[in-house]
PDB file of N, CA and C in Angstrom:
ATOM      1  N   UNK A   1      11.168   6.130  -8.064  1.00  0.00           N
ATOM      2  CA  UNK A   1       9.819   6.976  -8.030  1.00  0.00           C
ATOM      3  C   UNK A   1       9.195   7.451  -6.755  1.00  0.00           C
ATOM      4  N   UNK A   2       8.548   8.275  -6.581  1.00  0.00           N
ATOM      5  CA  UNK A   2       8.186   9.139  -5.386  1.00  0.00           C
ATOM      6  C   UNK A   2       6.230   8.305  -5.044  1.00  0.00           C
ATOM      7  N   UNK A   3       6.316   8.119  -3.745  1.00  0.00           N
ATOM      8  CA  UNK A   3       4.751   7.608  -3.733  1.00  0.00           C
ATOM      9  C   UNK A   3       4.728   8.083  -1.987  1.00  0.00           C
ATOM     10  N   UNK A   4       3.415   8.449  -2.149  1.00  0.00           N
ATOM     11  CA  UNK A   4       2.908   9.176  -0.745  1.00  0.00           C
ATOM     12  C   UNK A   4       2.159   7.827  -0.030  1.00  0.00           C
ATOM     13  N   UNK A   5       2.739   7.136   1.041  1.00  0.00           N
ATOM     14  CA  UNK A   5       1.892   6.320   1.666  1.00  0.00           C
ATOM     15  C   UNK A   5       1.062   7.062   3.517  1.00  0.00           C
ATOM     16  N   UNK A   6       0.403   7.069   3.422  1.00  0.00           N
ATOM     17  CA  UNK A   6      -0.325   7.447   4.824  1.00  0.00           C
ATOM     18  C   UNK A   6       0.350   9.078   4.743  1.00  0.00           C
ATOM     19  N   UNK A   7       0.747   9.738   3.912  1.00  0.00           N
ATOM     20  CA  UNK A   7       0.939  11.241   3.983  1.00  0.00           C
ATOM     21  C   UNK A   7       2.157  11.403   4.091  1.00  0.00           C
ATOM     22  N   UNK A   8       3.137  10.309   3.716  1.00  0.00           N
ATOM     23  CA  UNK A   8       4.507  10.228   3.995  1.00  0.00           C
ATOM     24  C   UNK A   8       5.231   9.942   2.694  1.00  0.00           C
ATOM     25  N   UNK A   9       6.164  10.607   1.883  1.00  0.00           N
ATOM     26  CA  UNK A   9       6.587  10.424   1.007  1.00  0.00           C
ATOM     27  C   UNK A   9       7.600   9.523   1.027  1.00  0.00           C
ATOM     28  N   UNK A  10       7.984   8.505  -0.047  1.00  0.00           N
ATOM     29  CA  UNK A  10       8.920   7.146   0.061  1.00  0.00           C
ATOM     30  C   UNK A  10       9.361   7.084  -1.411  1.00  0.00           C
ATOM     31  N   UNK A  11      10.429   6.987  -1.465  1.00  0.00           N
ATOM     32  CA  UNK A  11      10.588   6.408  -2.961  1.00  0.00           C
ATOM     33  C   UNK A  11      11.206   4.930  -3.140  1.00  0.00           C
ATOM     34  N   UNK A  12      10.656   4.427  -4.056  1.00  0.00           N
ATOM     35  CA  UNK A  12      10.445   3.270  -4.675  1.00  0.00           C
ATOM     36  C   UNK A  12      11.170   2.898  -5.881  1.00  0.00           C
ATOM     37  N   UNK A  13      11.558   1.764  -5.989  1.00  0.00           N
ATOM     38  CA  UNK A  13      11.554   1.162  -7.255  1.00  0.00           C
ATOM     39  C   UNK A  13      10.935   0.995  -8.847  1.00  0.00           C
ATOM     40  N   UNK A  14      10.585   1.443  -9.764  1.00  0.00           N
ATOM     41  CA  UNK A  14       9.846   1.698 -10.516  1.00  0.00           C
ATOM     42  C   UNK A  14       9.117   0.073 -11.013  1.00  0.00           C
ATOM     43  N   UNK A  15       8.018  -0.181 -11.288  1.00  0.00           N
ATOM     44  CA  UNK A  15       7.166  -1.476 -11.492  1.00  0.00           C
ATOM     45  C   UNK A  15       6.975  -1.921 -10.089  1.00  0.00           C
ATOM     46  N   UNK A  16       6.689  -1.595  -9.233  1.00  0.00           N
ATOM     47  CA  UNK A  16       6.868  -2.350  -7.649  1.00  0.00           C
ATOM     48  C   UNK A  16       5.147  -2.450  -7.570  1.00  0.00           C
ATOM     49  N   UNK A  17       4.889  -3.722  -7.019  1.00  0.00           N
ATOM     50  CA  UNK A  17       3.577  -3.767  -6.684  1.00  0.00           C
ATOM     51  C   UNK A  17       3.127  -3.316  -5.218  1.00  0.00           C
ATOM     52  N   UNK A  18       1.664  -3.293  -5.060  1.00  0.00           N
ATOM     53  CA  UNK A  18       1.403  -2.779  -3.944  1.00  0.00           C
ATOM     54  C   UNK A  18       1.621  -3.776  -2.496  1.00  0.00           C
ATOM     55  N   UNK A  19       1.672  -5.020  -3.131  1.00  0.00           N
ATOM     56  CA  UNK A  19       2.625  -6.098  -2.134  1.00  0.00           C
ATOM     57  C   UNK A  19       3.731  -5.586  -1.705  1.00  0.00           C
ATOM     58  N   UNK A  20       5.002  -5.552  -2.459  1.00  0.00           N
ATOM     59  CA  UNK A  20       6.223  -5.040  -2.426  1.00  0.00           C
ATOM     60  C   UNK A  20       6.123  -3.886  -1.401  1.00  0.00           C
ATOM     61  N   UNK A  21       5.499  -2.926  -1.595  1.00  0.00           N
ATOM     62  CA  UNK A  21       5.542  -1.529  -0.801  1.00  0.00           C
ATOM     63  C   UNK A  21       4.954  -1.760   0.234  1.00  0.00           C
ATOM     64  N   UNK A  22       4.019  -2.875   0.583  1.00  0.00           N
ATOM     65  CA  UNK A  22       3.814  -3.068   2.337  1.00  0.00           C
ATOM     66  C   UNK A  22       5.142  -3.977   2.794  1.00  0.00           C
ATOM     67  N   UNK A  23       5.372  -4.779   2.285  1.00  0.00           N
ATOM     68  CA  UNK A  23       6.614  -5.984   2.518  1.00  0.00           C
ATOM     69  C   UNK A  23       7.467  -4.675   3.232  1.00  0.00           C
ATOM     70  N   UNK A  24       8.067  -3.921   2.404  1.00  0.00           N
ATOM     71  CA  UNK A  24       9.139  -3.131   2.414  1.00  0.00           C
ATOM     72  C   UNK A  24       9.182  -2.071   3.345  1.00  0.00           C
ATOM     73  N   UNK A  25       7.635  -1.872   3.877  1.00  0.00           N
ATOM     74  CA  UNK A  25       7.408  -0.840   5.082  1.00  0.00           C
ATOM     75  C   UNK A  25       7.359  -1.554   6.107  1.00  0.00           C
ATOM     76  N   UNK A  26       7.500  -2.721   6.462  1.00  0.00           N
ATOM     77  CA  UNK A  26       7.501  -3.803   7.303  1.00  0.00           C
ATOM     78  C   UNK A  26       6.048  -4.035   8.013  1.00  0.00           C
ATOM     79  N   UNK A  27       4.920  -3.937   7.358  1.00  0.00           N
ATOM     80  CA  UNK A  27       4.080  -4.125   7.669  1.00  0.00           C
ATOM     81  C   UNK A  27       3.189  -5.510   7.571  1.00  0.00           C
ATOM     82  N   UNK A  28       2.937  -6.071   8.709  1.00  0.00           N
ATOM     83  CA  UNK A  28       2.494  -7.386   8.656  1.00  0.00           C
ATOM     84  C   UNK A  28       1.030  -7.728   9.061  1.00  0.00           C
ATOM     85  N   UNK A  29       0.398  -6.597   9.680  1.00  0.00           N
ATOM     86  CA  UNK A  29      -0.804  -7.116   9.906  1.00  0.00           C
ATOM     87  C   UNK A  29      -1.784  -7.916   8.893  1.00  0.00           C
ATOM     88  N   UNK A  30      -2.412  -8.718   9.819  1.00  0.00           N
ATOM     89  CA  UNK A  30      -3.294  -9.839   8.778  1.00  0.00           C
ATOM     90  C   UNK A  30      -4.416  -9.204   8.190  1.00  0.00           C
ATOM     91  N   UNK A  31      -5.071  -8.428   8.751  1.00  0.00           N
ATOM     92  CA  UNK A  31      -6.238  -7.174   8.241  1.00  0.00           C
ATOM     93  C   UNK A  31      -5.974  -5.936   7.757  1.00  0.00           C
ATOM     94  N   UNK A  32      -5.564  -6.018   6.823  1.00  0.00           N
ATOM     95  CA  UNK A  32      -5.370  -4.379   5.983  1.00  0.00           C
ATOM     96  C   UNK A  32      -6.209  -4.102   4.799  1.00  0.00           C
ATOM     97  N   UNK A  33      -6.495  -2.758   4.715  1.00  0.00           N
ATOM     98  CA  UNK A  33      -7.194  -2.139   3.413  1.00  0.00           C
ATOM     99  C   UNK A  33      -6.395  -1.397   2.841  1.00  0.00           C
ATOM    100  N   UNK A  34      -6.321  -1.444   1.992  1.00  0.00           N
ATOM    101  CA  UNK A  34      -5.455  -0.489   0.851  1.00  0.00           C
ATOM    102  C   UNK A  34      -6.417   0.419  -0.016  1.00  0.00           C
ATOM    103  N   UNK A  35      -6.115   1.579  -0.336  1.00  0.00           N
ATOM    104  CA  UNK A  35      -6.655   2.798  -1.237  1.00  0.00           C
ATOM    105  C   UNK A  35      -5.691   3.304  -1.972  1.00  0.00           C
ATOM    106  N   UNK A  36      -5.651   3.180  -3.136  1.00  0.00           N
ATOM    107  CA  UNK A  36      -4.541   3.462  -4.310  1.00  0.00           C
ATOM    108  C   UNK A  36      -5.536   4.657  -5.006  1.00  0.00           C
ATOM    109  N   UNK A  37      -5.214   5.765  -4.909  1.00  0.00           N
ATOM    110  CA  UNK A  37      -5.480   6.915  -5.704  1.00  0.00           C
ATOM    111  C   UNK A  37      -7.347   6.473  -6.021  1.00  0.00           C
ATOM    112  N   UNK A  38      -7.470   6.849  -4.472  1.00  0.00           N
ATOM    113  CA  UNK A  38      -8.994   6.857  -4.184  1.00  0.00           C
ATOM    114  C   UNK A  38      -9.504   5.225  -4.462  1.00  0.00           C
ATOM    115  N   UNK A  39      -8.946   4.890  -4.725  1.00  0.00           N
ATOM    116  CA  UNK A  39      -9.663   3.687  -5.135  1.00  0.00           C
ATOM    117  C   UNK A  39      -9.315   2.137  -4.005  1.00  0.00           C
ATOM    118  N   UNK A  40     -10.166   1.411  -3.758  1.00  0.00           N
ATOM    119  CA  UNK A  40     -10.079   0.629  -2.505  1.00  0.00           C
ATOM    120  C   UNK A  40      -9.463  -0.786  -3.681  1.00  0.00           C
ATOM    121  N   UNK A  41      -8.112  -1.124  -2.733  1.00  0.00           N
ATOM    122  CA  UNK A  41      -7.983  -2.351  -3.461  1.00  0.00           C
ATOM    123  C   UNK A  41      -7.845  -3.700  -2.456  1.00  0.00           C
ATOM    124  N   UNK A  42      -8.445  -4.536  -3.087  1.00  0.00           N
ATOM    125  CA  UNK A  42      -8.851  -5.818  -2.057  1.00  0.00           C
ATOM    126  C   UNK A  42      -7.466  -6.495  -1.934  1.00  0.00           C
ATOM    127  N   UNK A  43      -6.867  -7.274  -0.822  1.00  0.00           N
ATOM    128  CA  UNK A  43      -5.804  -8.178  -0.523  1.00  0.00           C
ATOM    129  C   UNK A  43      -5.040  -9.085  -1.239  1.00  0.00           C
ATOM    130  N   UNK A  44      -6.118  -9.785  -2.160  1.00  0.00           N
ATOM    131  CA  UNK A  44      -6.313 -10.607  -3.049  1.00  0.00           C
ATOM    132  C   UNK A  44      -5.442  -9.647  -4.409  1.00  0.00           C
ATOM    133  N   UNK A  45      -5.762  -8.522  -4.510  1.00  0.00           N
ATOM    134  CA  UNK A  45      -5.034  -7.760  -5.518  1.00  0.00           C
ATOM    135  C   UNK A  45      -3.935  -7.266  -5.608  1.00  0.00           C
ATOM    136  N   UNK A  46      -3.171  -7.104  -4.269  1.00  0.00           N
ATOM    137  CA  UNK A  46      -2.164  -6.823  -3.330  1.00  0.00           C
ATOM    138  C   UNK A  46      -1.091  -6.996  -4.450  1.00  0.00           C
ATOM    139  N   UNK A  47      -1.017  -8.014  -4.778  1.00  0.00           N
ATOM    140  CA  UNK A  47       0.560  -8.536  -5.580  1.00  0.00           C
ATOM    141  C   UNK A  47       0.321  -8.519  -6.965  1.00  0.00           C
ATOM    142  N   UNK A  48      -0.797  -7.800  -7.665  1.00  0.00           N
ATOM    143  CA  UNK A  48      -1.185  -7.771  -9.324  1.00  0.00           C
ATOM    144  C   UNK A  48      -1.303  -6.108  -9.387  1.00  0.00           C
ATOM    145  N   UNK A  49      -1.329  -5.270  -8.264  1.00  0.00           N
ATOM    146  CA  UNK A  49      -1.358  -3.688  -8.333  1.00  0.00           C
ATOM    147  C   UNK A  49       0.250  -3.125  -8.533  1.00  0.00           C
ATOM    148  N   UNK A  50       0.308  -2.786  -9.615  1.00  0.00           N
ATOM    149  CA  UNK A  50       1.325  -2.295  -9.935  1.00  0.00           C
ATOM    150  C   UNK A  50       1.034  -0.234  -9.437  1.00  0.00           C
ATOM    151  N   UNK A  51       2.189  -0.165  -8.754  1.00  0.00           N
ATOM    152  CA  UNK A  51       2.065   1.224  -8.482  1.00  0.00           C
ATOM    153  C   UNK A  51       2.291   2.298  -9.441  1.00  0.00           C
ATOM    154  N   UNK A  52       2.190   3.375  -9.633  1.00  0.00           N
ATOM    155  CA  UNK A  52       2.892   4.209 -10.561  1.00  0.00           C
ATOM    156  C   UNK A  52       3.385   5.526  -9.505  1.00  0.00           C
ATOM    157  N   UNK A  53       3.940   5.957 -10.508  1.00  0.00           N
ATOM    158  CA  UNK A  53       4.811   7.152  -9.518  1.00  0.00           C
ATOM    159  C   UNK A  53       3.716   8.413  -9.527  1.00  0.00           C
ATOM    160  N   UNK A  54       4.198   8.781  -8.155  1.00  0.00           N
ATOM    161  CA  UNK A  54       3.373   9.870  -7.536  1.00  0.00           C
ATOM    162  C   UNK A  54       1.870   9.428  -7.116  1.00  0.00           C
ATOM    163  N   UNK A  55       2.077   7.898  -6.966  1.00  0.00           N
ATOM    164  CA  UNK A  55       0.408   7.447  -6.491  1.00  0.00           C
ATOM    165  C   UNK A  55       0.406   7.719  -5.001  1.00  0.00           C
ATOM    166  N   UNK A  56      -0.714   7.893  -4.527  1.00  0.00           N
ATOM    167  CA  UNK A  56      -1.000   8.170  -2.931  1.00  0.00           C
ATOM    168  C   UNK A  56      -1.856   6.659  -2.644  1.00  0.00           C
ATOM    169  N   UNK A  57      -1.288   6.118  -1.543  1.00  0.00           N
ATOM    170  CA  UNK A  57      -1.610   4.971  -0.803  1.00  0.00           C
ATOM    171  C   UNK A  57      -1.950   5.126   0.309  1.00  0.00           C
ATOM    172  N   UNK A  58      -3.269   4.821   0.748  1.00  0.00           N
ATOM    173  CA  UNK A  58      -3.567   5.169   2.218  1.00  0.00           C
ATOM    174  C   UNK A  58      -4.012   3.380   2.882  1.00  0.00           C
ATOM    175  N   UNK A  59      -3.397   2.941   3.665  1.00  0.00           N
ATOM    176  CA  UNK A  59      -3.208   1.585   4.236  1.00  0.00           C
ATOM    177  C   UNK A  59      -3.811   1.988   5.758  1.00  0.00           C
ATOM    178  N   UNK A  60      -4.838   0.910   5.887  1.00  0.00           N
ATOM    179  CA  UNK A  60      -5.653   1.199   6.964  1.00  0.00           C
ATOM    180  C   UNK A  60      -5.572  -0.398   7.940  1.00  0.00           C
ATOM    181  N   UNK A  61      -5.197  -0.358   8.702  1.00  0.00           N
ATOM    182  CA  UNK A  61      -4.734  -1.844   9.480  1.00  0.00           C
ATOM    183  C   UNK A  61      -6.110  -1.703  10.595  1.00  0.00           C
ATOM    184  N   UNK A  62      -6.790  -3.046  10.559  1.00  0.00           N
ATOM    185  CA  UNK A  62      -7.844  -3.133  11.577  1.00  0.00           C
ATOM    186  C   UNK A  62      -7.307  -3.873  12.975  1.00  0.00           C
ATOM    187  N   UNK A  63      -7.816  -3.791  14.125  1.00  0.00           N
ATOM    188  CA  UNK A  63      -7.091  -4.143  15.190  1.00  0.00           C
ATOM    189  C   UNK A  63      -8.407  -4.686  15.960  1.00  0.00           C
ATOM    190  N   UNK A  64      -8.562  -5.795  16.253  1.00  0.00           N
ATOM    191  CA  UNK A  64      -9.596  -6.252  17.033  1.00  0.00           C
ATOM    192  C   UNK A  64      -9.872  -6.348  18.625  1.00  0.00           C
ATOM    193  N   UNK A  65     -10.754  -6.262  19.133  1.00  0.00           N
ATOM    194  CA  UNK A  65     -10.569  -6.171  20.522  1.00  0.00           C
ATOM    195  C   UNK A  65     -11.522  -5.874  21.395  1.00  0.00           C
ATOM    196  N   UNK A  66     -11.621  -5.978  22.836  1.00  0.00           N
ATOM    197  CA  UNK A  66     -13.175  -5.706  23.031  1.00  0.00           C
ATOM    198  C   UNK A  66     -13.028  -4.990  23.955  1.00  0.00           C
TER     199      UNK A  66
END
């Protein structure tokens, strides 16, 4: 199935979770926020959120500094 992540199209297996997508894209930042089809998903929900075909995901990484 096709999913758009940060404006780029990817192909993933059916019944994939948000957590699996983040892992497959090698995103390992501890502070990340996700939005799926306009809905903010908390980090605690990543493993429970099953992504549907043609979903749009925005991943935002927070970086601290001074």
